[in-house]
Protein backbone atom coordinates (compact mmCIF):
# COMPACT_ATOMS: atom_id res chain seq x y z
CA TYR A 1 112.83 30.68 55.72
CA ASP A 2 115.22 30.62 53.38
CA ALA A 3 116.66 33.54 55.17
CA LEU A 4 116.79 34.15 58.53
CA GLY A 5 117.72 38.03 60.69
CA VAL A 6 119.11 37.84 63.80
CA PRO A 7 116.70 37.95 67.37
CA VAL A 8 116.18 40.68 68.65
CA PHE A 9 115.01 39.58 72.95
CA SER A 10 112.59 42.52 73.83
CA PRO A 11 114.03 44.44 77.86
CA ASP A 12 112.12 42.19 79.68
CA SER A 13 113.38 39.08 78.25
CA SER A 14 109.56 38.10 77.19
CA ARG A 15 109.98 38.20 73.83
CA ILE A 16 111.87 37.89 70.81
CA ALA A 17 111.49 39.12 66.79
CA TYR A 18 113.52 38.69 64.11
CA ALA A 19 113.09 39.19 60.39
CA ALA A 20 113.13 36.11 57.82
CA GLU A 21 113.31 35.47 53.54
CA SER A 22 110.62 32.96 52.04
CA SER A 23 110.26 33.21 47.98
CA GLY A 24 111.83 36.30 47.99
CA LYS A 25 109.89 38.04 50.65
CA GLN A 26 110.32 39.59 53.85
CA LEU A 27 108.98 39.51 56.87
CA VAL A 28 109.29 39.23 61.04
CA VAL A 29 108.02 37.54 62.94
CA ILE A 30 107.57 38.14 66.25
CA ASP A 31 106.95 35.47 69.22
CA GLY A 32 105.89 33.37 67.04
CA LYS A 33 104.03 35.07 64.33
CA GLU A 34 104.44 36.52 61.77
CA GLU A 35 103.55 40.08 59.98
CA SER A 36 103.12 40.59 56.91
CA TYR A 37 105.58 40.53 53.61
CA PHE A 38 107.05 42.77 52.03
CA ASP A 39 109.76 43.85 49.42
CA ARG A 40 112.28 44.13 52.27
CA VAL A 41 112.38 44.80 56.47
CA GLY A 42 114.34 46.60 58.70
CA THR A 43 116.10 44.84 61.80
CA PRO A 44 112.89 45.34 64.78
CA VAL A 45 113.24 47.22 67.67
CA PHE A 46 111.30 46.54 70.95
CA SER A 47 110.23 50.17 73.44
CA PRO A 48 112.39 49.93 76.77
CA ASP A 49 108.77 48.36 78.70
CA SER A 50 109.19 45.46 75.65
CA LYS A 51 104.80 46.71 74.85
CA ARG A 52 106.07 48.09 71.54
CA ILE A 53 107.58 47.00 68.13
CA ALA A 54 109.04 48.41 65.47
CA TYR A 55 110.45 48.10 62.01
CA ALA A 56 111.10 49.66 59.02
CA ALA A 57 109.60 47.31 55.92
CA ASN A 58 110.02 48.34 51.70
CA LEU A 59 106.45 47.92 48.87
CA ASN A 60 106.25 48.78 45.60
CA ASP A 61 109.28 51.68 45.97
CA LYS A 62 108.21 53.12 49.87
CA TRP A 63 108.84 52.83 52.79
CA PHE A 64 106.97 52.61 55.76
CA MET A 65 107.52 52.33 59.67
CA VAL A 66 105.75 49.09 60.47
CA VAL A 67 104.39 50.00 64.86
CA ASN A 68 102.88 46.70 66.41
CA GLY A 69 101.21 45.37 63.01
CA LYS A 70 99.97 48.68 61.71
CA LEU A 71 101.53 50.60 58.39
CA GLN A 72 102.25 53.85 58.73
CA LYS A 73 102.68 57.31 56.92
CA ALA A 74 104.67 56.17 53.12
CA TYR A 75 107.82 58.35 52.01
CA ASP A 76 110.96 57.91 49.94
CA GLY A 77 113.04 56.06 52.53
CA VAL A 78 112.87 55.89 57.21
CA GLY A 79 116.11 54.98 59.29
CA ALA A 80 116.07 52.76 62.91
CA PRO A 81 112.57 53.55 64.77
CA VAL A 82 114.44 54.64 68.33
CA PHE A 83 111.34 54.86 71.67
CA SER A 84 112.07 57.24 73.80
CA PRO A 85 113.13 56.23 76.64
CA ASP A 86 109.66 55.57 78.57
CA SER A 87 108.22 53.96 75.57
CA LYS A 88 105.75 56.75 74.73
CA ARG A 89 107.64 58.44 71.59
CA LEU A 90 108.46 56.98 68.54
CA ALA A 91 110.73 58.43 66.99
CA TYR A 92 112.94 57.67 62.89
CA ILE A 93 114.46 59.60 60.25
CA ALA A 94 112.75 60.18 57.32
CA GLN A 95 113.34 60.80 53.58
CA GLN A 96 110.52 62.14 50.89
CA ASN A 97 111.55 64.02 47.49
CA GLU A 98 115.82 63.69 48.90
CA LYS A 99 115.01 66.24 52.13
CA GLN A 100 115.53 64.76 54.92
CA PHE A 101 113.06 64.25 58.39
CA ILE A 102 112.11 63.46 61.72
CA VAL A 103 109.24 61.67 62.03
CA VAL A 104 108.14 61.75 66.13
CA GLY A 105 105.02 60.29 66.77
CA GLY A 106 103.50 60.04 63.38
CA LYS A 107 104.35 63.52 62.48
CA PRO A 108 106.50 64.88 60.09
CA GLY A 109 109.75 67.55 60.80
CA GLU A 110 110.90 70.30 59.37
CA TYR A 111 112.15 69.28 56.06
CA TYR A 112 116.72 69.15 55.74
CA ASP A 113 119.25 68.19 52.89
CA ALA A 114 120.17 65.85 55.64
CA VAL A 115 119.70 64.58 59.72
CA SER A 116 120.61 62.73 62.22
CA THR A 117 119.49 60.13 64.20
CA PRO A 118 117.64 61.44 67.33
CA VAL A 119 118.43 60.92 70.76
CA PHE A 120 115.91 61.22 73.70
CA ASN A 121 116.35 63.28 77.47
CA SER A 122 115.90 60.86 80.10
CA THR A 123 112.74 61.16 80.79
CA GLY A 124 111.61 60.87 77.26
CA ASP A 125 109.83 64.61 76.96
CA ARG A 126 112.11 66.37 74.76
CA ILE A 127 114.72 65.09 71.71
CA ALA A 128 117.53 66.26 69.10
CA TYR A 129 119.14 66.13 66.11
CA ILE A 130 121.61 67.16 64.11
CA ALA A 131 120.39 68.56 60.81
CA GLN A 132 122.25 69.82 57.69
CA LEU A 133 120.84 73.23 55.52
CA SER A 134 122.25 74.38 52.20
CA GLY A 135 125.91 73.15 54.05
CA SER A 136 125.64 74.28 57.35
CA GLN A 137 125.52 72.35 60.38
CA PHE A 138 123.03 72.94 63.08
CA VAL A 139 121.84 71.16 66.25
CA VAL A 140 117.32 70.93 66.29
CA ILE A 141 116.11 70.48 69.82
CA ASP A 142 112.98 70.00 70.30
CA GLU A 143 111.43 71.51 66.81
CA ARG A 144 114.08 74.69 67.60
CA ARG A 145 117.67 75.25 65.69
CA GLU A 146 120.08 76.33 68.12
CA SER A 147 123.30 78.13 66.85
CA ILE A 148 124.40 76.65 63.36
CA TYR A 149 128.37 75.72 63.15
CA ASP A 150 131.05 74.40 60.77
CA ALA A 151 130.61 70.55 61.66
CA ILE A 152 128.66 69.26 64.35
CA GLY A 153 130.71 66.16 66.17
CA GLU A 154 128.75 62.23 64.70
CA GLY A 155 126.99 60.37 68.07
CA SER A 156 127.50 63.96 70.05
CA LEU A 157 124.76 64.67 71.54
CA LYS A 158 123.76 64.47 74.75
CA PHE A 159 121.56 65.04 77.70
CA SER A 160 121.94 65.56 81.04
CA PRO A 161 121.39 62.60 82.77
CA ASP A 162 117.90 65.18 84.27
CA GLY A 163 117.07 65.58 80.75
CA LYS A 164 117.25 69.45 80.72
CA ARG A 165 120.63 70.26 79.14
CA ILE A 166 122.68 69.49 76.18
CA ALA A 167 126.07 69.29 74.95
CA TYR A 168 127.66 68.35 71.79
CA LEU A 169 130.58 69.57 70.02
CA ALA A 170 130.63 72.22 67.59
CA GLN A 171 133.53 73.37 64.76
CA VAL A 172 133.34 76.76 63.73
CA GLY A 173 136.81 77.43 61.13
CA ASP A 174 139.75 75.27 62.55
CA LYS A 175 139.38 74.95 65.95
CA TRP A 176 137.00 72.45 68.23
CA MET A 177 134.13 73.12 71.29
């Protein structure tokens, strides 16, 4: 290959994947087998059970999430894949017509001006992310909007160990809570 990405091991250490470039095209190599060639590819991500793998790929100015070698729906942009801890669900940021949204299990959510990387709870049955719309920020939990704030601390979304509660930093005026 002309160039290689950093290798990624599966959580159980039985599999390996990496991005590669050849003659101006990029691909992902999984366990020594070449996937399809694209204009660009992102870093591959294994599911926690090591059975699934996903990565972003660009072809002809459209972005796709590739899951186990299968292209998902095309968008103007996609972010890095995030698997739930139980490996059953996959989520990622997508962009279409200058709006962002979260795709969970292949289904796009509500469109916003911007969204953060989604966070799953420990059992994988709940998901949360920060969304921005018309200058206001709020947390979206299981596709339900929470209170509106002036700002929400980036990276502060945390589910409790039992997955039932969520905490985050929020700002109203010049005060953080």
